[in-house]
C-alpha cells in the first residue's frame, strides 16, 4: 500500500509491468520465507513446550 520496496512491492511491480518471471520469483520467495518462518517457530515451540510431550506420554494421550 504505497510501499516502494520489499517483496510485496516486487510482486505488484511484476504484475503492473506484465513480467511473469518477477511474479513467479516473488511467489517462490514468499513460499520459501513461509516455510523458513514455520520451521523456526516450530523449533521455538518445541523448545518452549518440551514438557508437554512428557505430560502427554504420562497420561497415555
N, C-alpha and C. Protein backbone atom coordinates (compact mmCIF):
# COMPACT_ATOMS: atom_id res chain seq x y z
N UNK A 1 0.84 -1.18 0.00
CA UNK A 1 0.00 0.00 0.00
C UNK A 1 0.89 1.24 0.00
N UNK A 2 1.44 1.48 -1.12
CA UNK A 2 2.29 2.64 -1.25
C UNK A 2 3.75 2.36 -0.94
N UNK A 3 4.11 1.09 -0.77
CA UNK A 3 5.49 0.75 -0.47
C UNK A 3 6.33 0.88 -1.74
N UNK A 4 7.59 1.20 -1.54
CA UNK A 4 8.48 1.33 -2.69
C UNK A 4 9.61 0.31 -2.64
N UNK A 5 9.50 -0.65 -1.75
CA UNK A 5 10.48 -1.73 -1.67
C UNK A 5 9.87 -2.91 -0.94
N UNK A 6 10.55 -4.02 -1.02
CA UNK A 6 10.08 -5.22 -0.33
C UNK A 6 9.50 -6.24 -1.29
N UNK A 7 9.18 -7.38 -0.73
CA UNK A 7 8.69 -8.49 -1.54
C UNK A 7 7.30 -8.24 -2.10
N UNK A 8 6.45 -7.62 -1.32
CA UNK A 8 5.11 -7.28 -1.81
C UNK A 8 5.17 -6.28 -2.95
N UNK A 9 6.06 -5.31 -2.81
CA UNK A 9 6.25 -4.35 -3.90
C UNK A 9 6.73 -5.05 -5.16
N UNK A 10 7.67 -5.99 -5.00
CA UNK A 10 8.19 -6.72 -6.14
C UNK A 10 7.09 -7.49 -6.85
N UNK A 11 6.21 -8.10 -6.09
CA UNK A 11 5.10 -8.85 -6.66
C UNK A 11 4.16 -7.92 -7.44
N UNK A 12 3.79 -6.80 -6.85
CA UNK A 12 2.89 -5.85 -7.52
C UNK A 12 3.58 -5.23 -8.73
N UNK A 13 4.86 -4.94 -8.60
CA UNK A 13 5.62 -4.38 -9.71
C UNK A 13 5.61 -5.34 -10.90
N UNK A 14 5.87 -6.60 -10.63
CA UNK A 14 5.83 -7.60 -11.70
C UNK A 14 4.47 -7.69 -12.35
N UNK A 15 3.44 -7.57 -11.53
CA UNK A 15 2.08 -7.63 -12.06
C UNK A 15 1.79 -6.40 -12.93
N UNK A 16 2.15 -5.23 -12.43
CA UNK A 16 1.89 -3.99 -13.18
C UNK A 16 2.69 -3.90 -14.47
N UNK A 17 3.88 -4.46 -14.47
CA UNK A 17 4.74 -4.38 -15.65
C UNK A 17 4.59 -5.61 -16.55
N UNK A 18 3.64 -6.49 -16.23
CA UNK A 18 3.41 -7.72 -17.01
C UNK A 18 4.69 -8.53 -17.18
N UNK A 19 5.34 -8.80 -16.04
CA UNK A 19 6.57 -9.58 -16.04
C UNK A 19 6.33 -10.85 -15.23
N UNK A 20 5.90 -11.92 -15.89
CA UNK A 20 5.56 -13.15 -15.18
C UNK A 20 6.74 -13.76 -14.42
N UNK A 21 7.96 -13.59 -14.92
CA UNK A 21 9.13 -14.15 -14.22
C UNK A 21 9.30 -13.49 -12.85
N UNK A 22 9.05 -12.20 -12.76
CA UNK A 22 9.16 -11.49 -11.48
C UNK A 22 8.05 -11.95 -10.55
N UNK A 23 6.86 -12.15 -11.08
CA UNK A 23 5.74 -12.61 -10.27
C UNK A 23 6.02 -14.00 -9.71
N UNK A 24 6.48 -14.91 -10.56
CA UNK A 24 6.76 -16.28 -10.12
C UNK A 24 7.90 -16.29 -9.10
N UNK A 25 8.94 -15.50 -9.34
CA UNK A 25 10.05 -15.43 -8.40
C UNK A 25 9.58 -14.90 -7.04
N UNK A 26 8.71 -13.91 -7.05
CA UNK A 26 8.16 -13.37 -5.80
C UNK A 26 7.35 -14.41 -5.05
N UNK A 27 6.54 -15.15 -5.77
CA UNK A 27 5.72 -16.19 -5.14
C UNK A 27 6.61 -17.27 -4.54
N UNK A 28 7.65 -17.67 -5.27
CA UNK A 28 8.58 -18.68 -4.76
C UNK A 28 9.29 -18.16 -3.51
N UNK A 29 9.70 -16.90 -3.52
CA UNK A 29 10.34 -16.32 -2.33
C UNK A 29 9.38 -16.28 -1.15
N UNK A 30 8.12 -15.93 -1.40
CA UNK A 30 7.11 -15.96 -0.33
C UNK A 30 7.00 -17.37 0.26
N UNK A 31 6.98 -18.38 -0.61
CA UNK A 31 6.86 -19.77 -0.15
C UNK A 31 8.08 -20.18 0.68
N UNK A 32 9.27 -19.84 0.21
CA UNK A 32 10.49 -20.18 0.95
C UNK A 32 10.53 -19.49 2.30
N UNK A 33 10.20 -18.21 2.31
CA UNK A 33 10.19 -17.48 3.58
C UNK A 33 9.12 -18.02 4.53
N UNK A 34 7.98 -18.44 3.99
CA UNK A 34 6.93 -19.01 4.81
C UNK A 34 7.37 -20.32 5.46
N UNK A 35 8.00 -21.19 4.67
CA UNK A 35 8.49 -22.46 5.21
C UNK A 35 9.59 -22.23 6.25
N UNK A 36 10.48 -21.29 5.98
CA UNK A 36 11.56 -20.98 6.90
C UNK A 36 11.00 -20.45 8.22
N UNK A 37 10.05 -19.54 8.13
CA UNK A 37 9.41 -19.00 9.34
C UNK A 37 8.71 -20.10 10.11
N UNK A 38 8.01 -20.97 9.40
CA UNK A 38 7.31 -22.07 10.04
C UNK A 38 8.27 -22.98 10.80
N UNK A 39 9.40 -23.31 10.19
CA UNK A 39 10.35 -24.20 10.86
C UNK A 39 11.00 -23.53 12.07
N UNK A 40 11.28 -22.23 11.98
CA UNK A 40 11.85 -21.52 13.13
C UNK A 40 10.85 -21.49 14.28
N UNK A 41 9.60 -21.19 13.97
CA UNK A 41 8.58 -21.16 15.03
C UNK A 41 8.35 -22.54 15.62
N UNK A 42 8.42 -23.58 14.81
CA UNK A 42 8.26 -24.96 15.31
C UNK A 42 9.38 -25.31 16.28
N UNK A 43 10.61 -24.92 15.95
CA UNK A 43 11.74 -25.17 16.84
C UNK A 43 11.59 -24.41 18.15
N UNK A 44 11.13 -23.16 18.07
CA UNK A 44 10.89 -22.38 19.28
C UNK A 44 9.79 -23.03 20.13
N UNK A 45 8.74 -23.49 19.48
CA UNK A 45 7.64 -24.15 20.19
C UNK A 45 8.13 -25.42 20.86
N UNK A 46 8.89 -26.22 20.14
CA UNK A 46 9.40 -27.47 20.72
C UNK A 46 10.29 -27.20 21.93
N UNK A 47 11.08 -26.16 21.83
CA UNK A 47 11.99 -25.82 22.93
C UNK A 47 11.20 -25.27 24.13
N UNK A 48 10.23 -24.41 23.86
CA UNK A 48 9.48 -23.78 24.95
C UNK A 48 8.48 -24.73 25.59
N UNK A 49 7.99 -25.70 24.82
CA UNK A 49 6.94 -26.59 25.34
C UNK A 49 7.41 -28.03 25.41
N UNK A 50 8.69 -28.24 25.66
CA UNK A 50 9.23 -29.60 25.73
C UNK A 50 8.55 -30.44 26.80
N UNK A 51 8.06 -29.81 27.84
CA UNK A 51 7.40 -30.52 28.92
C UNK A 51 6.07 -31.12 28.49
N UNK A 52 5.46 -30.57 27.48
CA UNK A 52 4.13 -31.00 27.06
C UNK A 52 4.16 -32.44 26.54
N UNK A 53 5.21 -32.82 25.83
CA UNK A 53 5.31 -34.19 25.33
C UNK A 53 5.37 -35.19 26.47
N UNK A 54 6.12 -34.88 27.50
CA UNK A 54 6.25 -35.82 28.61
C UNK A 54 4.92 -35.94 29.38
N UNK A 55 4.15 -34.88 29.45
CA UNK A 55 2.84 -34.94 30.10
C UNK A 55 1.88 -35.81 29.30
N UNK A 56 1.90 -35.70 27.98
CA UNK A 56 1.00 -36.49 27.15
C UNK A 56 1.36 -37.97 27.25
N UNK A 57 2.64 -38.28 27.28
CA UNK A 57 3.07 -39.68 27.40
C UNK A 57 2.66 -40.25 28.76
N UNK A 58 2.75 -39.46 29.82
CA UNK A 58 2.42 -39.93 31.16
C UNK A 58 0.91 -40.21 31.30
N UNK A 59 0.10 -39.47 30.55
CA UNK A 59 -1.36 -39.64 30.64
C UNK A 59 -1.91 -40.52 29.52
N UNK A 60 -1.02 -41.07 28.69
CA UNK A 60 -1.44 -42.01 27.65
C UNK A 60 -2.20 -41.39 26.50
N UNK A 61 -1.93 -40.16 26.16
CA UNK A 61 -2.63 -39.49 25.05
C UNK A 61 -1.84 -39.60 23.78
